[in-house]
Amino acid sequence: MALYEHIFIARPDMSPAQMESLIEDVKTLIEEKGGKTGKTEYWGLRNLAYRINKSRKGHYGLIDIDASADVIDELDRLQRLSEDIIRHMTVRVDEHVETPSAILTKKDDRRGRRERT
């Protein structure tokens, strides 16, 4: 089994609760197919670099995966068919990092600066 990071962008008109549910559905799918999931992160509603399907924003999610290529192929196929997912990308990594991602760390830094002033 190999290690992967899976990032996806969902429609902007979804609620954060729906996004959390979508992340749980993806985790369930991976575990049913024989893979394992590590940390999951919801990055919130963020601006896109360019318009996608007339949308300027999207909900971002990240999942660390330990699975075979067959599981990743099935996940890719289902997310291409899903109307809720705007874009997705799966990248193979050498090891999973247990600390929060750079996106979440950046948010925490901003909050700390606001509190100091």
C-alpha atoms as a PDB file:
ATOM      1  CA  MET A   1       0.000   0.000   0.000  1.00  0.00           C
ATOM      2  CA  ALA A   2       1.154   3.513  -0.748  1.00  0.00           C
ATOM      3  CA  LEU A   3       0.672   6.853   0.995  1.00  0.00           C
ATOM      4  CA  TYR A   4      -1.342   9.622  -0.656  1.00  0.00           C
ATOM      5  CA  GLU A   5      -2.693  13.098   0.068  1.00  0.00           C
ATOM      6  CA  HIS A   6      -6.079  13.782  -1.477  1.00  0.00           C
ATOM      7  CA  ILE A   7      -7.283  17.382  -1.813  1.00  0.00           C
ATOM      8  CA  PHE A   8     -10.642  18.332  -3.236  1.00  0.00           C
ATOM      9  CA  ILE A   9     -12.703  21.463  -3.796  1.00  0.00           C
ATOM     10  CA  ALA A  10     -16.476  21.374  -3.360  1.00  0.00           C
ATOM     11  CA  ARG A  11     -19.184  23.762  -4.556  1.00  0.00           C
ATOM     12  CA  PRO A  12     -19.347  27.104  -2.710  1.00  0.00           C
ATOM     13  CA  ASP A  13     -23.087  26.888  -1.998  1.00  0.00           C
ATOM     14  CA  MET A  14     -22.596  23.926   0.355  1.00  0.00           C
ATOM     15  CA  SER A  15     -22.690  24.488   4.102  1.00  0.00           C
ATOM     16  CA  PRO A  16     -19.684  23.562   6.280  1.00  0.00           C
ATOM     17  CA  ALA A  17     -21.780  20.757   7.786  1.00  0.00           C
ATOM     18  CA  GLN A  18     -22.411  19.317   4.320  1.00  0.00           C
ATOM     19  CA  MET A  19     -18.684  19.524   3.615  1.00  0.00           C
ATOM     20  CA  GLU A  20     -17.878  17.621   6.819  1.00  0.00           C
ATOM     21  CA  SER A  21     -20.414  14.990   5.739  1.00  0.00           C
ATOM     22  CA  LEU A  22     -18.752  14.780   2.319  1.00  0.00           C
ATOM     23  CA  ILE A  23     -15.352  14.224   3.959  1.00  0.00           C
ATOM     24  CA  GLU A  24     -16.838  11.442   6.103  1.00  0.00           C
ATOM     25  CA  ASP A  25     -18.367   9.828   2.986  1.00  0.00           C
ATOM     26  CA  VAL A  26     -14.974   9.814   1.271  1.00  0.00           C
ATOM     27  CA  LYS A  27     -13.352   8.302   4.374  1.00  0.00           C
ATOM     28  CA  THR A  28     -16.029   5.585   4.505  1.00  0.00           C
ATOM     29  CA  LEU A  29     -15.506   4.760   0.823  1.00  0.00           C
ATOM     30  CA  ILE A  30     -11.739   4.417   1.299  1.00  0.00           C
ATOM     31  CA  GLU A  31     -12.121   2.179   4.356  1.00  0.00           C
ATOM     32  CA  GLU A  32     -14.735  -0.021   2.629  1.00  0.00           C
ATOM     33  CA  LYS A  33     -12.314  -0.636  -0.244  1.00  0.00           C
ATOM     34  CA  GLY A  34      -9.554  -1.704   2.149  1.00  0.00           C
ATOM     35  CA  GLY A  35      -7.612   1.529   2.594  1.00  0.00           C
ATOM     36  CA  LYS A  36      -6.861   3.518   5.718  1.00  0.00           C
ATOM     37  CA  THR A  37      -7.337   7.217   6.339  1.00  0.00           C
ATOM     38  CA  GLY A  38      -5.138   9.446   8.437  1.00  0.00           C
ATOM     39  CA  LYS A  39      -5.761  13.062   9.332  1.00  0.00           C
ATOM     40  CA  THR A  40      -8.545  14.993   7.676  1.00  0.00           C
ATOM     41  CA  GLU A  41      -8.718  18.766   7.427  1.00  0.00           C
ATOM     42  CA  TYR A  42     -11.438  21.153   6.376  1.00  0.00           C
ATOM     43  CA  TRP A  43      -9.816  24.358   5.165  1.00  0.00           C
ATOM     44  CA  GLY A  44     -13.039  26.327   4.818  1.00  0.00           C
ATOM     45  CA  LEU A  45     -14.453  28.454   2.029  1.00  0.00           C
ATOM     46  CA  ARG A  46     -11.537  29.939   0.103  1.00  0.00           C
ATOM     47  CA  ASN A  47     -11.059  32.013  -3.042  1.00  0.00           C
ATOM     48  CA  LEU A  48     -10.109  30.138  -6.200  1.00  0.00           C
ATOM     49  CA  ALA A  49      -7.197  31.283  -8.364  1.00  0.00           C
ATOM     50  CA  TYR A  50      -9.542  31.390 -11.372  1.00  0.00           C
ATOM     51  CA  ARG A  51     -13.216  30.768 -12.044  1.00  0.00           C
ATOM     52  CA  ILE A  52     -14.354  27.167 -12.215  1.00  0.00           C
ATOM     53  CA  ASN A  53     -17.922  26.561 -13.401  1.00  0.00           C
ATOM     54  CA  LYS A  54     -18.703  30.258 -12.796  1.00  0.00           C
ATOM     55  CA  SER A  55     -17.616  29.952  -9.148  1.00  0.00           C
ATOM     56  CA  ARG A  56     -15.048  32.210  -7.519  1.00  0.00           C
ATOM     57  CA  LYS A  57     -14.894  30.270  -4.209  1.00  0.00           C
ATOM     58  CA  GLY A  58     -14.905  26.685  -3.031  1.00  0.00           C
ATOM     59  CA  HIS A  59     -14.767  24.541   0.109  1.00  0.00           C
ATOM     60  CA  TYR A  60     -11.401  22.802   0.450  1.00  0.00           C
ATOM     61  CA  GLY A  61     -10.760  19.452   2.123  1.00  0.00           C
ATOM     62  CA  LEU A  62      -7.666  17.289   2.678  1.00  0.00           C
ATOM     63  CA  ILE A  63      -7.438  13.574   3.530  1.00  0.00           C
ATOM     64  CA  ASP A  64      -4.306  11.493   4.159  1.00  0.00           C
ATOM     65  CA  ILE A  65      -4.735   8.028   2.642  1.00  0.00           C
ATOM     66  CA  ASP A  66      -2.867   4.718   2.960  1.00  0.00           C
ATOM     67  CA  ALA A  67      -4.302   2.545   0.193  1.00  0.00           C
ATOM     68  CA  SER A  68      -3.612   0.627  -2.998  1.00  0.00           C
ATOM     69  CA  ALA A  69      -3.861   2.140  -6.461  1.00  0.00           C
ATOM     70  CA  ASP A  70      -7.239   0.427  -7.046  1.00  0.00           C
ATOM     71  CA  VAL A  71      -8.797   2.393  -4.187  1.00  0.00           C
ATOM     72  CA  ILE A  72      -7.393   5.659  -5.541  1.00  0.00           C
ATOM     73  CA  ASP A  73      -8.705   4.864  -9.033  1.00  0.00           C
ATOM     74  CA  GLU A  74     -12.199   4.228  -7.635  1.00  0.00           C
ATOM     75  CA  LEU A  75     -12.081   7.433  -5.568  1.00  0.00           C
ATOM     76  CA  ASP A  76     -11.002   9.376  -8.652  1.00  0.00           C
ATOM     77  CA  ARG A  77     -13.818   7.878 -10.729  1.00  0.00           C
ATOM     78  CA  LEU A  78     -16.499   8.672  -8.142  1.00  0.00           C
ATOM     79  CA  GLN A  79     -15.305  12.233  -7.626  1.00  0.00           C
ATOM     80  CA  ARG A  80     -15.313  12.891 -11.376  1.00  0.00           C
ATOM     81  CA  LEU A  81     -18.976  11.835 -11.420  1.00  0.00           C
ATOM     82  CA  SER A  82     -19.970  13.826  -8.333  1.00  0.00           C
ATOM     83  CA  GLU A  83     -21.733  17.125  -8.907  1.00  0.00           C
ATOM     84  CA  ASP A  84     -20.559  18.432  -5.524  1.00  0.00           C
ATOM     85  CA  ILE A  85     -16.838  18.208  -6.351  1.00  0.00           C
ATOM     86  CA  ILE A  86     -15.405  20.964  -8.559  1.00  0.00           C
ATOM     87  CA  ARG A  87     -11.785  19.732  -8.632  1.00  0.00           C
ATOM     88  CA  HIS A  88      -9.745  17.021  -6.944  1.00  0.00           C
ATOM     89  CA  MET A  89      -6.133  15.879  -6.889  1.00  0.00           C
ATOM     90  CA  THR A  90      -4.362  12.923  -5.342  1.00  0.00           C
ATOM     91  CA  VAL A  91      -0.603  13.030  -4.818  1.00  0.00           C
ATOM     92  CA  ARG A  92       1.626  10.168  -3.705  1.00  0.00           C
ATOM     93  CA  VAL A  93       3.886  11.103  -0.781  1.00  0.00           C
ATOM     94  CA  ASP A  94       6.790   9.398   0.980  1.00  0.00           C
ATOM     95  CA  GLU A  95       5.345   9.926   4.461  1.00  0.00           C
ATOM     96  CA  HIS A  96       2.410  11.634   6.125  1.00  0.00           C
ATOM     97  CA  VAL A  97       3.048  14.710   8.217  1.00  0.00           C
ATOM     98  CA  GLU A  98       1.107  14.639  11.498  1.00  0.00           C
ATOM     99  CA  THR A  99       1.309  18.399  12.101  1.00  0.00           C
ATOM    100  CA  PRO A 100      -1.411  20.640  10.683  1.00  0.00           C
ATOM    101  CA  SER A 101      -0.946  21.642   7.066  1.00  0.00           C
ATOM    102  CA  ALA A 102       0.505  24.988   6.036  1.00  0.00           C
ATOM    103  CA  ILE A 103      -2.988  26.319   5.274  1.00  0.00           C
ATOM    104  CA  LEU A 104      -4.233  25.732   8.827  1.00  0.00           C
ATOM    105  CA  THR A 105      -0.985  26.978  10.349  1.00  0.00           C
ATOM    106  CA  LYS A 106      -1.300  30.193   8.354  1.00  0.00           C
ATOM    107  CA  LYS A 107      -4.837  30.736   9.711  1.00  0.00           C
ATOM    108  CA  ASP A 108      -3.617  30.246  13.295  1.00  0.00           C
ATOM    109  CA  ASP A 109      -0.813  32.772  12.742  1.00  0.00           C
ATOM    110  CA  ARG A 110      -3.309  35.388  11.575  1.00  0.00           C
ATOM    111  CA  ARG A 111      -5.501  34.835  14.620  1.00  0.00           C
ATOM    112  CA  GLY A 112      -2.516  35.206  16.927  1.00  0.00           C
ATOM    113  CA  ARG A 113      -1.506  38.495  15.309  1.00  0.00           C
ATOM    114  CA  ARG A 114      -5.012  39.906  15.752  1.00  0.00           C
ATOM    115  CA  GLU A 115      -5.051  38.983  19.428  1.00  0.00           C
ATOM    116  CA  ARG A 116      -1.671  40.638  20.084  1.00  0.00           C
ATOM    117  CA  THR A 117      -2.706  44.009  18.648  1.00  0.00           C
END
